[in-house]
N, C-alpha and C. Protein backbone atom coordinates (compact mmCIF):
# COMPACT_ATOMS: atom_id res chain seq x y z
N MET A 1 -8.79 3.25 -6.72
CA MET A 1 -8.58 2.09 -7.51
C MET A 1 -9.20 1.02 -7.96
N ALA A 2 -9.25 0.70 -8.61
CA ALA A 2 -10.01 -0.15 -9.32
C ALA A 2 -10.32 -1.37 -8.37
N ARG A 3 -11.57 -2.07 -8.61
CA ARG A 3 -11.66 -3.39 -7.91
C ARG A 3 -11.84 -4.73 -8.90
N THR A 4 -11.07 -5.82 -8.38
CA THR A 4 -11.43 -6.78 -9.52
C THR A 4 -12.16 -8.26 -8.17
N SER A 5 -13.10 -8.40 -8.40
CA SER A 5 -13.66 -10.00 -7.39
C SER A 5 -13.00 -11.58 -8.59
N PHE A 6 -12.65 -12.59 -6.78
CA PHE A 6 -12.30 -13.61 -7.96
C PHE A 6 -13.01 -14.25 -6.89
N LEU A 7 -13.13 -15.66 -7.58
CA LEU A 7 -13.82 -16.95 -6.57
C LEU A 7 -12.39 -17.58 -5.59
N PHE A 8 -12.43 -17.36 -4.42
CA PHE A 8 -11.33 -17.94 -3.42
C PHE A 8 -12.37 -19.06 -2.61
N ARG A 9 -11.24 -20.71 -2.87
CA ARG A 9 -12.08 -21.38 -1.77
C ARG A 9 -10.95 -22.17 -0.76
N THR A 10 -11.57 -22.26 0.10
CA THR A 10 -10.65 -22.75 1.62
C THR A 10 -11.66 -23.71 2.12
N ASP A 11 -10.66 -24.34 2.46
CA ASP A 11 -11.64 -25.32 3.54
C ASP A 11 -12.15 -24.60 4.84
N PRO A 12 -13.68 -25.10 6.04
CA PRO A 12 -14.15 -24.88 6.31
C PRO A 12 -13.12 -24.05 7.78
N LYS A 13 -13.10 -24.96 8.22
CA LYS A 13 -12.24 -24.84 9.42
C LYS A 13 -11.02 -23.30 8.93
N THR A 14 -9.90 -23.21 8.23
CA THR A 14 -9.58 -22.06 7.53
C THR A 14 -10.41 -21.04 7.63
N LEU A 15 -11.21 -21.27 7.22
CA LEU A 15 -12.75 -20.04 6.95
C LEU A 15 -12.54 -19.55 8.36
N ASP A 16 -12.98 -20.52 8.98
CA ASP A 16 -13.59 -20.26 10.93
C ASP A 16 -12.07 -19.42 11.34
N ALA A 17 -11.42 -19.88 10.77
CA ALA A 17 -9.95 -19.36 11.51
C ALA A 17 -10.03 -18.17 11.04
N PHE A 18 -9.96 -17.53 10.01
CA PHE A 18 -9.38 -16.59 9.16
C PHE A 18 -10.97 -15.41 9.26
N ARG A 19 -12.08 -16.08 9.73
CA ARG A 19 -12.76 -15.14 10.55
C ARG A 19 -12.79 -14.41 11.62
N ARG A 20 -12.48 -15.61 12.30
CA ARG A 20 -11.95 -15.13 14.01
C ARG A 20 -11.06 -14.11 13.81
N TRP A 21 -9.77 -14.29 13.07
CA TRP A 21 -8.58 -13.09 12.70
C TRP A 21 -9.48 -11.73 12.09
N ALA A 22 -10.18 -12.11 11.39
CA ALA A 22 -10.48 -10.71 10.95
C ALA A 22 -11.58 -9.73 11.73
N ASP A 23 -12.02 -11.05 12.36
CA ASP A 23 -13.34 -9.93 13.74
C ASP A 23 -12.28 -9.35 14.94
N ASP A 24 -10.69 -10.24 15.18
CA ASP A 24 -9.84 -9.54 16.15
C ASP A 24 -9.35 -7.87 16.18
N GLU A 25 -9.50 -8.05 14.54
CA GLU A 25 -8.81 -6.45 14.03
C GLU A 25 -9.87 -5.99 13.38
N PHE A 26 -11.00 -6.31 13.82
CA PHE A 26 -11.86 -5.23 13.26
C PHE A 26 -12.35 -5.15 11.71
N ARG A 27 -12.26 -6.00 10.83
CA ARG A 27 -11.93 -6.16 9.42
C ARG A 27 -13.16 -7.32 9.02
N SER A 28 -13.65 -6.99 7.74
CA SER A 28 -14.62 -8.19 7.28
C SER A 28 -13.21 -8.62 6.64
N VAL A 29 -14.14 -9.90 6.55
CA VAL A 29 -12.47 -11.18 5.62
C VAL A 29 -12.34 -11.11 4.61
N ASN A 30 -12.79 -10.40 3.80
CA ASN A 30 -12.57 -9.83 2.44
C ASN A 30 -11.54 -8.38 2.46
N GLY A 31 -11.50 -7.37 3.77
CA GLY A 31 -10.49 -6.20 3.90
C GLY A 31 -9.28 -7.24 4.63
N GLN A 32 -9.55 -8.46 5.44
CA GLN A 32 -8.47 -9.24 6.39
C GLN A 32 -7.38 -9.78 5.34
N LEU A 33 -8.09 -10.41 3.97
CA LEU A 33 -7.62 -11.03 3.27
C LEU A 33 -6.63 -10.45 2.41
N GLU A 34 -7.30 -9.03 1.78
CA GLU A 34 -6.50 -8.07 1.25
C GLU A 34 -5.31 -7.41 1.80
N PHE A 35 -5.58 -7.06 3.15
CA PHE A 35 -4.45 -6.43 4.16
C PHE A 35 -3.40 -7.64 4.17
N VAL A 36 -3.53 -8.85 4.43
CA VAL A 36 -2.78 -10.01 4.76
C VAL A 36 -2.37 -10.10 3.26
N LEU A 37 -2.61 -10.17 2.36
CA LEU A 37 -1.96 -10.40 0.99
C LEU A 37 -1.33 -9.22 0.51
N ARG A 38 -1.81 -8.11 0.68
CA ARG A 38 -0.18 -6.69 0.30
C ARG A 38 0.83 -7.38 1.00
N LYS A 39 0.53 -7.74 3.02
CA LYS A 39 2.06 -7.34 3.67
C LYS A 39 2.67 -8.43 2.95
N ALA A 40 2.05 -9.40 2.41
CA ALA A 40 2.86 -10.58 2.25
C ALA A 40 3.93 -10.48 1.00
N LEU A 41 2.77 -9.81 -0.20
CA LEU A 41 3.50 -8.85 -1.33
C LEU A 41 4.34 -8.00 -1.23
N ARG A 42 4.00 -7.13 -0.26
CA ARG A 42 5.54 -5.90 0.46
C ARG A 42 6.89 -6.98 0.50
N ASP A 43 6.78 -7.84 1.56
CA ASP A 43 7.29 -8.43 2.14
C ASP A 43 8.50 -8.65 1.23
N ALA A 44 7.78 -9.84 0.39
CA ALA A 44 8.05 -10.61 -0.74
C ALA A 44 9.07 -9.74 -1.77
N GLY A 45 8.76 -8.31 -1.56
CA GLY A 45 9.39 -7.22 -2.84
C GLY A 45 8.40 -7.23 -4.17
N ARG A 46 7.10 -7.86 -3.84
CA ARG A 46 6.34 -7.71 -5.40
C ARG A 46 5.80 -6.80 -5.69
N LEU A 47 5.49 -6.02 -3.98
CA LEU A 47 4.70 -4.81 -5.07
C LEU A 47 5.27 -3.51 -4.06
N PRO A 48 5.22 -2.57 -4.74
CA PRO A 48 6.41 -1.83 -4.49
C PRO A 48 5.35 -0.82 -3.40
N SER A 49 6.32 -0.31 -2.66
CA SER A 49 5.54 0.57 -1.02
C SER A 49 4.58 1.37 -1.61
N GLU A 50 4.08 2.00 -1.19
CA GLU A 50 3.03 2.78 -1.54
C GLU A 50 3.22 4.26 -1.78
N ASN A 51 5.23 4.90 -0.77
CA ASN A 51 5.91 6.22 -1.06
C ASN A 51 6.38 6.32 -1.78
N ALA A 52 6.47 4.49 -2.59
CA ALA A 52 8.05 4.64 -3.54
C ALA A 52 7.24 4.94 -4.51
N PRO A 53 7.64 5.94 -6.10
CA PRO A 53 6.99 6.65 -7.09
C PRO A 53 6.94 5.63 -8.50
N SER A 54 6.10 5.38 -8.94
CA SER A 54 5.60 4.95 -9.66
C SER A 54 6.58 5.45 -10.77
N ASP A 55 7.10 4.81 -11.97
CA ASP A 55 7.38 5.16 -13.64
C ASP A 55 6.73 6.28 -14.09
N GLU A 56 5.62 6.25 -13.88
CA GLU A 56 4.95 7.15 -14.57
C GLU A 56 4.77 8.45 -13.70
N ASN A 57 5.54 8.54 -12.83
CA ASN A 57 5.60 9.68 -12.07
C ASN A 57 6.59 10.28 -11.58
N GLN A 58 7.98 9.70 -12.60
CA GLN A 58 9.65 9.91 -12.40
C GLN A 58 9.62 10.61 -13.46
N SER A 59 10.24 11.75 -13.66
CA SER A 59 9.99 12.58 -14.87
C SER A 59 11.78 12.23 -15.55
N ASP A 60 11.86 12.31 -16.90
CA ASP A 60 12.83 11.63 -17.67
C ASP A 60 14.46 11.54 -16.32
N ASP A 61 15.17 12.95 -15.95
CA ASP A 61 15.63 12.63 -14.99
C ASP A 61 15.93 11.39 -14.13
N ASP A 62 15.05 11.32 -13.24
CA ASP A 62 14.77 10.71 -12.62
C ASP A 62 15.10 8.98 -13.02
N LYS A 63 14.76 8.74 -14.11
CA LYS A 63 14.90 7.35 -14.81
C LYS A 63 15.79 7.39 -15.32
N GLY A 64 17.17 8.49 -15.39
CA GLY A 64 18.16 7.77 -15.85
C GLY A 64 18.95 7.52 -17.47
N THR A 65 17.32 8.51 -18.21
CA THR A 65 17.77 9.10 -19.46
C THR A 65 18.16 10.12 -19.87
């Protein structure tokens, strides 16, 4: 999976709380942010589950054509 970086701005209190949360779960702040975002996207139905076949992996029969 290719990674892309971007700038994320937040207030110091939020960042401090996030750092403590990441430390509690033995993750880096970056890893925790990615974990939380992925979970929120999956829960909102905006990110397919990792077990679901992608369109690229489906045969024509599976696509209904």
